[in-house]
């Protein structure tokens, strides 16, 4: 059984005990590590034989996830350069993500 869920503007394929990497979940505002979150924006649910597609969401379907650790992704370097003008700029950025574990898919 799996479900396609929409969370923070992105779509993820959620299967039982799968670890998903989502955009950072703020500890102070949303949830702390170890907390459980219920996601009710389920777009599709499949249990092998039967597939339910929502318009836009499947009624009554929920996915429960447990919040894990927050980490930074590898650095992305952006180089700006203009030839013959002595202009060089190097900017780095590290996106923050949170790992969540899918605990249950209710349909």
PDB file of N, CA and C in Angstrom:
ATOM      1  N   UNK A   1       0.842  -1.177   0.000  1.00  0.00           N
ATOM      2  CA  UNK A   1       0.000   0.000   0.000  1.00  0.00           C
ATOM      3  C   UNK A   1       0.888   1.241   0.000  1.00  0.00           C
ATOM      4  N   UNK A   2       0.530   2.206  -0.830  1.00  0.00           N
ATOM      5  CA  UNK A   2       1.250   3.464  -0.848  1.00  0.00           C
ATOM      6  C   UNK A   2       0.278   4.604  -1.108  1.00  0.00           C
ATOM      7  N   UNK A   3       0.761   5.820  -0.835  1.00  0.00           N
ATOM      8  CA  UNK A   3      -0.053   7.011  -1.041  1.00  0.00           C
ATOM      9  C   UNK A   3       0.847   8.122  -1.577  1.00  0.00           C
ATOM     10  N   UNK A   4       0.257   8.976  -2.393  1.00  0.00           N
ATOM     11  CA  UNK A   4       0.937  10.179  -2.847  1.00  0.00           C
ATOM     12  C   UNK A   4       0.362  11.327  -2.022  1.00  0.00           C
ATOM     13  N   UNK A   5       1.231  12.009  -1.268  1.00  0.00           N
ATOM     14  CA  UNK A   5       0.780  13.093  -0.402  1.00  0.00           C
ATOM     15  C   UNK A   5       1.412  14.400  -0.848  1.00  0.00           C
ATOM     16  N   UNK A   6       0.712  15.478  -0.569  1.00  0.00           N
ATOM     17  CA  UNK A   6       1.243  16.811  -0.815  1.00  0.00           C
ATOM     18  C   UNK A   6       1.548  17.433   0.539  1.00  0.00           C
ATOM     19  N   UNK A   7       2.821  17.850   0.729  1.00  0.00           N
ATOM     20  CA  UNK A   7       3.225  18.449   2.002  1.00  0.00           C
ATOM     21  C   UNK A   7       4.181  19.590   1.718  1.00  0.00           C
ATOM     22  N   UNK A   8       3.842  20.758   2.207  1.00  0.00           N
ATOM     23  CA  UNK A   8       4.644  21.969   2.013  1.00  0.00           C
ATOM     24  C   UNK A   8       4.899  22.257   0.536  1.00  0.00           C
ATOM     25  N   UNK A   9       3.897  22.033  -0.302  1.00  0.00           N
ATOM     26  CA  UNK A   9       4.005  22.369  -1.715  1.00  0.00           C
ATOM     27  C   UNK A   9       4.692  21.340  -2.579  1.00  0.00           C
ATOM     28  N   UNK A  10       5.137  20.224  -2.003  1.00  0.00           N
ATOM     29  CA  UNK A  10       5.788  19.163  -2.771  1.00  0.00           C
ATOM     30  C   UNK A  10       5.014  17.864  -2.626  1.00  0.00           C
ATOM     31  N   UNK A  11       5.169  16.983  -3.612  1.00  0.00           N
ATOM     32  CA  UNK A  11       4.490  15.695  -3.578  1.00  0.00           C
ATOM     33  C   UNK A  11       5.491  14.596  -3.256  1.00  0.00           C
ATOM     34  N   UNK A  12       5.070  13.648  -2.392  1.00  0.00           N
ATOM     35  CA  UNK A  12       5.930  12.558  -1.963  1.00  0.00           C
ATOM     36  C   UNK A  12       5.165  11.242  -2.047  1.00  0.00           C
ATOM     37  N   UNK A  13       5.893  10.172  -2.348  1.00  0.00           N
ATOM     38  CA  UNK A  13       5.314   8.838  -2.342  1.00  0.00           C
ATOM     39  C   UNK A  13       5.565   8.241  -0.956  1.00  0.00           C
ATOM     40  N   UNK A  14       4.502   7.975  -0.226  1.00  0.00           N
ATOM     41  CA  UNK A  14       4.608   7.495   1.145  1.00  0.00           C
ATOM     42  C   UNK A  14       4.225   6.025   1.205  1.00  0.00           C
ATOM     43  N   UNK A  15       5.160   5.203   1.680  1.00  0.00           N
ATOM     44  CA  UNK A  15       4.900   3.797   1.952  1.00  0.00           C
ATOM     45  C   UNK A  15       5.186   3.561   3.426  1.00  0.00           C
ATOM     46  N   UNK A  16       4.620   2.509   3.993  1.00  0.00           N
ATOM     47  CA  UNK A  16       4.815   2.226   5.413  1.00  0.00           C
ATOM     48  C   UNK A  16       6.299   2.038   5.702  1.00  0.00           C
ATOM     49  N   UNK A  17       6.785   2.675   6.763  1.00  0.00           N
ATOM     50  CA  UNK A  17       8.170   2.639   7.245  1.00  0.00           C
ATOM     51  C   UNK A  17       9.168   3.265   6.281  1.00  0.00           C
ATOM     52  N   UNK A  18       8.708   4.016   5.296  1.00  0.00           N
ATOM     53  CA  UNK A  18       9.620   4.710   4.389  1.00  0.00           C
ATOM     54  C   UNK A  18      10.103   6.004   5.052  1.00  0.00           C
ATOM     55  N   UNK A  19      11.346   6.377   4.779  1.00  0.00           N
ATOM     56  CA  UNK A  19      11.917   7.622   5.293  1.00  0.00           C
ATOM     57  C   UNK A  19      11.903   8.640   4.158  1.00  0.00           C
ATOM     58  N   UNK A  20      11.208   9.757   4.388  1.00  0.00           N
ATOM     59  CA  UNK A  20      11.089  10.810   3.387  1.00  0.00           C
ATOM     60  C   UNK A  20      11.903  12.023   3.829  1.00  0.00           C
ATOM     61  N   UNK A  21      12.473  12.716   2.876  1.00  0.00           N
ATOM     62  CA  UNK A  21      13.192  13.948   3.137  1.00  0.00           C
ATOM     63  C   UNK A  21      12.319  15.102   2.672  1.00  0.00           C
ATOM     64  N   UNK A  22      11.829  15.901   3.635  1.00  0.00           N
ATOM     65  CA  UNK A  22      10.933  17.015   3.326  1.00  0.00           C
ATOM     66  C   UNK A  22      11.628  18.320   3.695  1.00  0.00           C
ATOM     67  N   UNK A  23      11.055  19.439   3.236  1.00  0.00           N
ATOM     68  CA  UNK A  23      11.583  20.742   3.621  1.00  0.00           C
ATOM     69  C   UNK A  23      11.557  20.865   5.139  1.00  0.00           C
ATOM     70  N   UNK A  24      12.431  21.700   5.665  1.00  0.00           N
ATOM     71  CA  UNK A  24      12.641  21.782   7.112  1.00  0.00           C
ATOM     72  C   UNK A  24      11.347  22.027   7.871  1.00  0.00           C
ATOM     73  N   UNK A  25      11.147  21.232   8.928  1.00  0.00           N
ATOM     74  CA  UNK A  25      10.033  21.408   9.844  1.00  0.00           C
ATOM     75  C   UNK A  25      10.582  22.153  11.048  1.00  0.00           C
ATOM     76  N   UNK A  26      10.065  23.334  11.309  1.00  0.00           N
ATOM     77  CA  UNK A  26      10.570  24.182  12.380  1.00  0.00           C
ATOM     78  C   UNK A  26      10.194  23.592  13.738  1.00  0.00           C
ATOM     79  N   UNK A  27      11.187  23.463  14.622  1.00  0.00           N
ATOM     80  CA  UNK A  27      10.954  22.869  15.940  1.00  0.00           C
ATOM     81  C   UNK A  27      10.015  23.716  16.790  1.00  0.00           C
ATOM     82  N   UNK A  28      10.170  25.023  16.744  1.00  0.00           N
ATOM     83  CA  UNK A  28       9.393  25.892  17.617  1.00  0.00           C
ATOM     84  C   UNK A  28       7.937  26.023  17.172  1.00  0.00           C
ATOM     85  N   UNK A  29       7.694  26.040  15.851  1.00  0.00           N
ATOM     86  CA  UNK A  29       6.347  26.318  15.359  1.00  0.00           C
ATOM     87  C   UNK A  29       5.544  25.065  15.036  1.00  0.00           C
ATOM     88  N   UNK A  30       6.162  24.079  14.373  1.00  0.00           N
ATOM     89  CA  UNK A  30       5.382  22.971  13.829  1.00  0.00           C
ATOM     90  C   UNK A  30       5.482  21.701  14.667  1.00  0.00           C
ATOM     91  N   UNK A  31       6.667  21.144  14.816  1.00  0.00           N
ATOM     92  CA  UNK A  31       6.804  19.893  15.562  1.00  0.00           C
ATOM     93  C   UNK A  31       8.260  19.679  15.946  1.00  0.00           C
ATOM     94  N   UNK A  32       8.461  18.978  17.042  1.00  0.00           N
ATOM     95  CA  UNK A  32       9.807  18.635  17.504  1.00  0.00           C
ATOM     96  C   UNK A  32      10.136  17.215  17.057  1.00  0.00           C
ATOM     97  N   UNK A  33      11.412  16.836  17.044  1.00  0.00           N
ATOM     98  CA  UNK A  33      11.764  15.448  16.700  1.00  0.00           C
ATOM     99  C   UNK A  33      11.090  14.458  17.645  1.00  0.00           C
ATOM    100  N   UNK A  34      10.505  13.422  17.073  1.00  0.00           N
ATOM    101  CA  UNK A  34       9.771  12.429  17.844  1.00  0.00           C
ATOM    102  C   UNK A  34       8.270  12.640  17.844  1.00  0.00           C
ATOM    103  N   UNK A  35       7.809  13.837  17.478  1.00  0.00           N
ATOM    104  CA  UNK A  35       6.373  14.118  17.402  1.00  0.00           C
ATOM    105  C   UNK A  35       5.777  13.458  16.166  1.00  0.00           C
ATOM    106  N   UNK A  36       4.465  13.247  16.214  1.00  0.00           N
ATOM    107  CA  UNK A  36       3.760  12.681  15.070  1.00  0.00           C
ATOM    108  C   UNK A  36       2.914  13.769  14.426  1.00  0.00           C
ATOM    109  N   UNK A  37       2.904  13.754  13.092  1.00  0.00           N
ATOM    110  CA  UNK A  37       2.134  14.711  12.297  1.00  0.00           C
ATOM    111  C   UNK A  37       1.177  13.915  11.412  1.00  0.00           C
ATOM    112  N   UNK A  38      -0.056  14.384  11.297  1.00  0.00           N
ATOM    113  CA  UNK A  38      -1.029  13.769  10.410  1.00  0.00           C
ATOM    114  C   UNK A  38      -1.171  14.633   9.165  1.00  0.00           C
ATOM    115  N   UNK A  39      -0.945  14.030   8.003  1.00  0.00           N
ATOM    116  CA  UNK A  39      -1.070  14.730   6.726  1.00  0.00           C
ATOM    117  C   UNK A  39      -2.362  14.256   6.072  1.00  0.00           C
ATOM    118  N   UNK A  40      -3.286  15.202   5.851  1.00  0.00           N
ATOM    119  CA  UNK A  40      -4.571  14.823   5.259  1.00  0.00           C
ATOM    120  C   UNK A  40      -4.700  15.262   3.808  1.00  0.00           C
ATOM    121  N   UNK A  41      -3.658  15.817   3.231  1.00  0.00           N
ATOM    122  CA  UNK A  41      -3.685  16.214   1.827  1.00  0.00           C
ATOM    123  C   UNK A  41      -3.141  15.061   0.983  1.00  0.00           C
ATOM    124  N   UNK A  42      -3.940  14.001   0.891  1.00  0.00           N
ATOM    125  CA  UNK A  42      -3.566  12.788   0.165  1.00  0.00           C
ATOM    126  C   UNK A  42      -4.165  12.870  -1.234  1.00  0.00           C
ATOM    127  N   UNK A  43      -3.319  12.767  -2.251  1.00  0.00           N
ATOM    128  CA  UNK A  43      -3.763  12.887  -3.636  1.00  0.00           C
ATOM    129  C   UNK A  43      -4.184  11.551  -4.229  1.00  0.00           C
ATOM    130  N   UNK A  44      -3.531  10.458  -3.801  1.00  0.00           N
ATOM    131  CA  UNK A  44      -3.791   9.143  -4.380  1.00  0.00           C
ATOM    132  C   UNK A  44      -3.481   8.079  -3.331  1.00  0.00           C
ATOM    133  N   UNK A  45      -4.307   7.027  -3.297  1.00  0.00           N
ATOM    134  CA  UNK A  45      -4.066   5.883  -2.416  1.00  0.00           C
ATOM    135  C   UNK A  45      -4.205   4.621  -3.241  1.00  0.00           C
ATOM    136  N   UNK A  46      -3.224   3.727  -3.118  1.00  0.00           N
ATOM    137  CA  UNK A  46      -3.253   2.458  -3.834  1.00  0.00           C
ATOM    138  C   UNK A  46      -2.957   1.339  -2.846  1.00  0.00           C
ATOM    139  N   UNK A  47      -3.802   0.307  -2.837  1.00  0.00           N
ATOM    140  CA  UNK A  47      -3.561  -0.847  -1.970  1.00  0.00           C
ATOM    141  C   UNK A  47      -3.313  -2.116  -2.778  1.00  0.00           C
ATOM    142  N   UNK A  48      -2.779  -1.977  -3.968  1.00  0.00           N
ATOM    143  CA  UNK A  48      -2.473  -3.127  -4.814  1.00  0.00           C
ATOM    144  C   UNK A  48      -3.512  -3.319  -5.898  1.00  0.00           C
ATOM    145  N   UNK A  49      -4.754  -3.572  -5.509  1.00  0.00           N
ATOM    146  CA  UNK A  49      -5.829  -3.799  -6.482  1.00  0.00           C
ATOM    147  C   UNK A  49      -6.630  -2.529  -6.749  1.00  0.00           C
ATOM    148  N   UNK A  50      -6.928  -1.812  -5.683  1.00  0.00           N
ATOM    149  CA  UNK A  50      -7.796  -0.648  -5.791  1.00  0.00           C
ATOM    150  C   UNK A  50      -6.976   0.636  -5.729  1.00  0.00           C
ATOM    151  N   UNK A  51      -7.244   1.550  -6.653  1.00  0.00           N
ATOM    152  CA  UNK A  51      -6.575   2.850  -6.683  1.00  0.00           C
ATOM    153  C   UNK A  51      -7.636   3.925  -6.534  1.00  0.00           C
ATOM    154  N   UNK A  52      -7.443   4.819  -5.549  1.00  0.00           N
ATOM    155  CA  UNK A  52      -8.364   5.931  -5.335  1.00  0.00           C
ATOM    156  C   UNK A  52      -7.637   7.230  -5.637  1.00  0.00           C
ATOM    157  N   UNK A  53      -8.179   7.989  -6.568  1.00  0.00           N
ATOM    158  CA  UNK A  53      -7.590   9.263  -6.950  1.00  0.00           C
ATOM    159  C   UNK A  53      -8.519  10.360  -6.471  1.00  0.00           C
ATOM    160  N   UNK A  54      -7.959  11.359  -5.799  1.00  0.00           N
ATOM    161  CA  UNK A  54      -8.757  12.449  -5.259  1.00  0.00           C
ATOM    162  C   UNK A  54      -8.993  13.553  -6.254  1.00  0.00           C
ATOM    163  N   UNK A  55      -9.998  14.379  -5.949  1.00  0.00           N
ATOM    164  CA  UNK A  55     -10.299  15.545  -6.774  1.00  0.00           C
ATOM    165  C   UNK A  55     -10.428  16.776  -5.890  1.00  0.00           C
ATOM    166  N   UNK A  56      -9.467  17.446  -5.401  1.00  0.00           N
ATOM    167  CA  UNK A  56      -8.043  17.169  -5.522  1.00  0.00           C
ATOM    168  C   UNK A  56      -7.513  16.192  -4.478  1.00  0.00           C
ATOM    169  N   UNK A  57      -8.237  16.009  -3.353  1.00  0.00           N
ATOM    170  CA  UNK A  57      -7.738  15.127  -2.289  1.00  0.00           C
ATOM    171  C   UNK A  57      -8.712  13.974  -2.058  1.00  0.00           C
ATOM    172  N   UNK A  58      -8.178  12.846  -1.577  1.00  0.00           N
ATOM    173  CA  UNK A  58      -8.993  11.678  -1.268  1.00  0.00           C
ATOM    174  C   UNK A  58      -9.677  11.924   0.078  1.00  0.00           C
ATOM    175  N   UNK A  59     -11.003  11.792   0.107  1.00  0.00           N
ATOM    176  CA  UNK A  59     -11.766  12.031   1.320  1.00  0.00           C
ATOM    177  C   UNK A  59     -11.464  10.958   2.363  1.00  0.00           C
ATOM    178  N   UNK A  60     -11.138  11.376   3.583  1.00  0.00           N
ATOM    179  CA  UNK A  60     -10.935  10.450   4.694  1.00  0.00           C
ATOM    180  C   UNK A  60      -9.574   9.775   4.741  1.00  0.00           C
ATOM    181  N   UNK A  61      -8.728  10.016   3.790  1.00  0.00           N
ATOM    182  CA  UNK A  61      -7.402   9.385   3.779  1.00  0.00           C
ATOM    183  C   UNK A  61      -6.433  10.253   4.568  1.00  0.00           C
ATOM    184  N   UNK A  62      -5.602   9.594   5.398  1.00  0.00           N
ATOM    185  CA  UNK A  62      -4.628  10.309   6.213  1.00  0.00           C
ATOM    186  C   UNK A  62      -3.343   9.507   6.281  1.00  0.00           C
ATOM    187  N   UNK A  63      -2.235  10.216   6.338  1.00  0.00           N
ATOM    188  CA  UNK A  63      -0.923   9.597   6.490  1.00  0.00           C
ATOM    189  C   UNK A  63      -0.304  10.163   7.763  1.00  0.00           C
ATOM    190  N   UNK A  64       0.122   9.277   8.659  1.00  0.00           N
ATOM    191  CA  UNK A  64       0.749   9.687   9.904  1.00  0.00           C
ATOM    192  C   UNK A  64       2.257   9.495   9.780  1.00  0.00           C
ATOM    193  N   UNK A  65       3.016  10.546  10.077  1.00  0.00           N
ATOM    194  CA  UNK A  65       4.473  10.487   9.995  1.00  0.00           C
ATOM    195  C   UNK A  65       5.074  10.907  11.331  1.00  0.00           C
ATOM    196  N   UNK A  66       6.284  10.395  11.598  1.00  0.00           N
ATOM    197  CA  UNK A  66       7.023  10.771  12.797  1.00  0.00           C
ATOM    198  C   UNK A  66       8.213  11.626  12.383  1.00  0.00           C
ATOM    199  N   UNK A  67       8.382  12.755  13.053  1.00  0.00           N
ATOM    200  CA  UNK A  67       9.437  13.703  12.712  1.00  0.00           C
ATOM    201  C   UNK A  67      10.778  13.178  13.211  1.00  0.00           C
ATOM    202  N   UNK A  68      11.786  13.260  12.353  1.00  0.00           N
ATOM    203  CA  UNK A  68      13.128  12.830  12.710  1.00  0.00           C
ATOM    204  C   UNK A  68      14.077  14.010  12.808  1.00  0.00           C
ATOM    205  N   UNK A  69      15.316  13.779  12.399  1.00  0.00           N
ATOM    206  CA  UNK A  69      16.342  14.804  12.527  1.00  0.00           C
ATOM    207  C   UNK A  69      16.274  15.836  11.402  1.00  0.00           C
ATOM    208  N   UNK A  70      16.772  17.036  11.710  1.00  0.00           N
ATOM    209  CA  UNK A  70      16.919  18.102  10.726  1.00  0.00           C
ATOM    210  C   UNK A  70      18.383  18.162  10.319  1.00  0.00           C
ATOM    211  N   UNK A  71      18.638  18.299   9.033  1.00  0.00           N
ATOM    212  CA  UNK A  71      20.015  18.319   8.550  1.00  0.00           C
ATOM    213  C   UNK A  71      20.138  19.285   7.387  1.00  0.00           C
ATOM    214  N   UNK A  72      21.380  19.617   7.046  1.00  0.00           N
ATOM    215  CA  UNK A  72      21.658  20.488   5.913  1.00  0.00           C
ATOM    216  C   UNK A  72      22.139  19.643   4.747  1.00  0.00           C
ATOM    217  N   UNK A  73      21.688  19.996   3.554  1.00  0.00           N
ATOM    218  CA  UNK A  73      22.109  19.325   2.335  1.00  0.00           C
ATOM    219  C   UNK A  73      23.506  19.811   1.957  1.00  0.00           C
ATOM    220  N   UNK A  74      24.092  19.205   0.950  1.00  0.00           N
ATOM    221  CA  UNK A  74      25.410  19.634   0.503  1.00  0.00           C
ATOM    222  C   UNK A  74      25.332  21.046  -0.085  1.00  0.00           C
ATOM    223  N   UNK A  75      26.447  21.730  -0.065  1.00  0.00           N
ATOM    224  CA  UNK A  75      26.488  23.124  -0.482  1.00  0.00           C
ATOM    225  C   UNK A  75      26.332  23.257  -1.999  1.00  0.00           C
ATOM    226  N   UNK A  76      25.522  24.209  -2.398  1.00  0.00           N
ATOM    227  CA  UNK A  76      25.341  24.548  -3.804  1.00  0.00           C
ATOM    228  C   UNK A  76      26.076  25.861  -4.027  1.00  0.00           C
ATOM    229  N   UNK A  77      27.002  25.891  -4.977  1.00  0.00           N
ATOM    230  CA  UNK A  77      27.778  27.088  -5.260  1.00  0.00           C
ATOM    231  C   UNK A  77      27.231  27.781  -6.498  1.00  0.00           C
ATOM    232  N   UNK A  78      27.073  29.093  -6.399  1.00  0.00           N
ATOM    233  CA  UNK A  78      26.605  29.907  -7.510  1.00  0.00           C
ATOM    234  C   UNK A  78      27.717  30.899  -7.844  1.00  0.00           C
ATOM    235  N   UNK A  79      28.210  30.866  -9.066  1.00  0.00           N
ATOM    236  CA  UNK A  79      29.289  31.740  -9.498  1.00  0.00           C
ATOM    237  C   UNK A  79      28.750  32.734 -10.516  1.00  0.00           C
ATOM    238  N   UNK A  80      28.953  34.007 -10.219  1.00  0.00           N
ATOM    239  CA  UNK A  80      28.598  35.049 -11.173  1.00  0.00           C
ATOM    240  C   UNK A  80      29.899  35.585 -11.758  1.00  0.00           C
ATOM    241  N   UNK A  81      29.940  35.739 -13.057  1.00  0.00           N
ATOM    242  CA  UNK A  81      31.168  36.143 -13.723  1.00  0.00           C
ATOM    243  C   UNK A  81      30.827  36.942 -14.970  1.00  0.00           C
ATOM    244  N   UNK A  82      31.517  38.058 -15.148  1.00  0.00           N
ATOM    245  CA  UNK A  82      31.383  38.846 -16.374  1.00  0.00           C
ATOM    246  C   UNK A  82      32.762  38.976 -16.990  1.00  0.00           C
ATOM    247  N   UNK A  83      32.885  38.538 -18.221  1.00  0.00           N
ATOM    248  CA  UNK A  83      34.199  38.553 -18.872  1.00  0.00           C
ATOM    249  C   UNK A  83      34.683  39.978 -19.127  1.00  0.00           C
ATOM    250  N   UNK A  84      35.964  40.168 -18.991  1.00  0.00           N
ATOM    251  CA  UNK A  84      36.659  41.429 -19.276  1.00  0.00           C
ATOM    252  C   UNK A  84      36.257  42.576 -18.356  1.00  0.00           C
ATOM    253  N   UNK A  85      35.533  42.315 -17.296  1.00  0.00           N
ATOM    254  CA  UNK A  85      35.070  43.382 -16.401  1.00  0.00           C
ATOM    255  C   UNK A  85      35.594  43.213 -14.977  1.00  0.00           C
ATOM    256  N   UNK A  86      36.411  42.184 -14.719  1.00  0.00           N
ATOM    257  CA  UNK A  86      36.954  41.906 -13.389  1.00  0.00           C
ATOM    258  C   UNK A  86      35.840  41.772 -12.349  1.00  0.00           C
ATOM    259  N   UNK A  87      34.802  41.042 -12.710  1.00  0.00           N
ATOM    260  CA  UNK A  87      33.660  40.834 -11.815  1.00  0.00           C
ATOM    261  C   UNK A  87      33.525  39.350 -11.525  1.00  0.00           C
ATOM    262  N   UNK A  88      33.715  38.953 -10.258  1.00  0.00           N
ATOM    263  CA  UNK A  88      33.586  37.566  -9.818  1.00  0.00           C
ATOM    264  C   UNK A  88      32.827  37.564  -8.497  1.00  0.00           C
ATOM    265  N   UNK A  89      31.804  36.749  -8.370  1.00  0.00           N
ATOM    266  CA  UNK A  89      31.088  36.585  -7.112  1.00  0.00           C
ATOM    267  C   UNK A  89      30.808  35.100  -6.923  1.00  0.00           C
ATOM    268  N   UNK A  90      31.160  34.582  -5.764  1.00  0.00           N
ATOM    269  CA  UNK A  90      30.902  33.184  -5.426  1.00  0.00           C
ATOM    270  C   UNK A  90      30.002  33.160  -4.203  1.00  0.00           C
ATOM    271  N   UNK A  91      28.834  32.589  -4.361  1.00  0.00           N
ATOM    272  CA  UNK A  91      27.850  32.540  -3.286  1.00  0.00           C
ATOM    273  C   UNK A  91      27.508  31.079  -3.024  1.00  0.00           C
ATOM    274  N   UNK A  92      27.483  30.684  -1.759  1.00  0.00           N
ATOM    275  CA  UNK A  92      27.134  29.317  -1.387  1.00  0.00           C
ATOM    276  C   UNK A  92      25.825  29.275  -0.622  1.00  0.00           C
ATOM    277  N   UNK A  93      25.131  28.150  -0.724  1.00  0.00           N
ATOM    278  CA  UNK A  93      23.844  27.988  -0.041  1.00  0.00           C
ATOM    279  C   UNK A  93      23.664  26.530   0.358  1.00  0.00           C
ATOM    280  N   UNK A  94      23.176  26.283   1.575  1.00  0.00           N
ATOM    281  CA  UNK A  94      22.877  24.926   2.038  1.00  0.00           C
ATOM    282  C   UNK A  94      21.420  24.873   2.461  1.00  0.00           C
ATOM    283  N   UNK A  95      20.626  24.088   1.760  1.00  0.00           N
ATOM    284  CA  UNK A  95      19.203  23.944   2.068  1.00  0.00           C
ATOM    285  C   UNK A  95      19.036  23.036   3.282  1.00  0.00           C
ATOM    286  N   UNK A  96      18.042  23.342   4.129  1.00  0.00           N
ATOM    287  CA  UNK A  96      17.781  22.539   5.320  1.00  0.00           C
ATOM    288  C   UNK A  96      16.581  21.630   5.076  1.00  0.00           C
ATOM    289  N   UNK A  97      16.721  20.372   5.503  1.00  0.00           N
ATOM    290  CA  UNK A  97      15.684  19.364   5.325  1.00  0.00           C
ATOM    291  C   UNK A  97      15.427  18.645   6.647  1.00  0.00           C
ATOM    292  N   UNK A  98      14.306  17.943   6.716  1.00  0.00           N
ATOM    293  CA  UNK A  98      13.961  17.128   7.867  1.00  0.00           C
ATOM    294  C   UNK A  98      13.591  15.737   7.369  1.00  0.00           C
ATOM    295  N   UNK A  99      14.060  14.705   8.068  1.00  0.00           N
ATOM    296  CA  UNK A  99      13.679  13.343   7.742  1.00  0.00           C
ATOM    297  C   UNK A  99      12.431  12.983   8.523  1.00  0.00           C
ATOM    298  N   UNK A 100      11.452  12.411   7.831  1.00  0.00           N
ATOM    299  CA  UNK A 100      10.234  11.923   8.484  1.00  0.00           C
ATOM    300  C   UNK A 100      10.040  10.465   8.112  1.00  0.00           C
ATOM    301  N   UNK A 101       9.501   9.694   9.038  1.00  0.00           N
ATOM    302  CA  UNK A 101       9.237   8.271   8.825  1.00  0.00           C
ATOM    303  C   UNK A 101       7.743   8.053   8.767  1.00  0.00           C
ATOM    304  N   UNK A 102       7.267   7.384   7.730  1.00  0.00           N
ATOM    305  CA  UNK A 102       5.843   7.101   7.569  1.00  0.00           C
ATOM    306  C   UNK A 102       5.474   5.970   8.522  1.00  0.00           C
ATOM    307  N   UNK A 103       4.506   6.228   9.402  1.00  0.00           N
ATOM    308  CA  UNK A 103       4.080   5.220  10.373  1.00  0.00           C
ATOM    309  C   UNK A 103       2.799   4.506   9.959  1.00  0.00           C
ATOM    310  N   UNK A 104       1.863   5.239   9.365  1.00  0.00           N
ATOM    311  CA  UNK A 104       0.580   4.620   9.064  1.00  0.00           C
ATOM    312  C   UNK A 104      -0.101   5.342   7.904  1.00  0.00           C
ATOM    313  N   UNK A 105      -0.794   4.567   7.081  1.00  0.00           N
ATOM    314  CA  UNK A 105      -1.615   5.108   5.996  1.00  0.00           C
ATOM    315  C   UNK A 105      -3.050   4.635   6.255  1.00  0.00           C
ATOM    316  N   UNK A 106      -3.915   5.582   6.587  1.00  0.00           N
ATOM    317  CA  UNK A 106      -5.317   5.249   6.878  1.00  0.00           C
ATOM    318  C   UNK A 106      -6.177   5.640   5.690  1.00  0.00           C
ATOM    319  N   UNK A 107      -7.078   4.715   5.303  1.00  0.00           N
ATOM    320  CA  UNK A 107      -7.915   4.952   4.133  1.00  0.00           C
ATOM    321  C   UNK A 107      -9.346   4.643   4.448  1.00  0.00           C
TER     322      UNK A 107
END
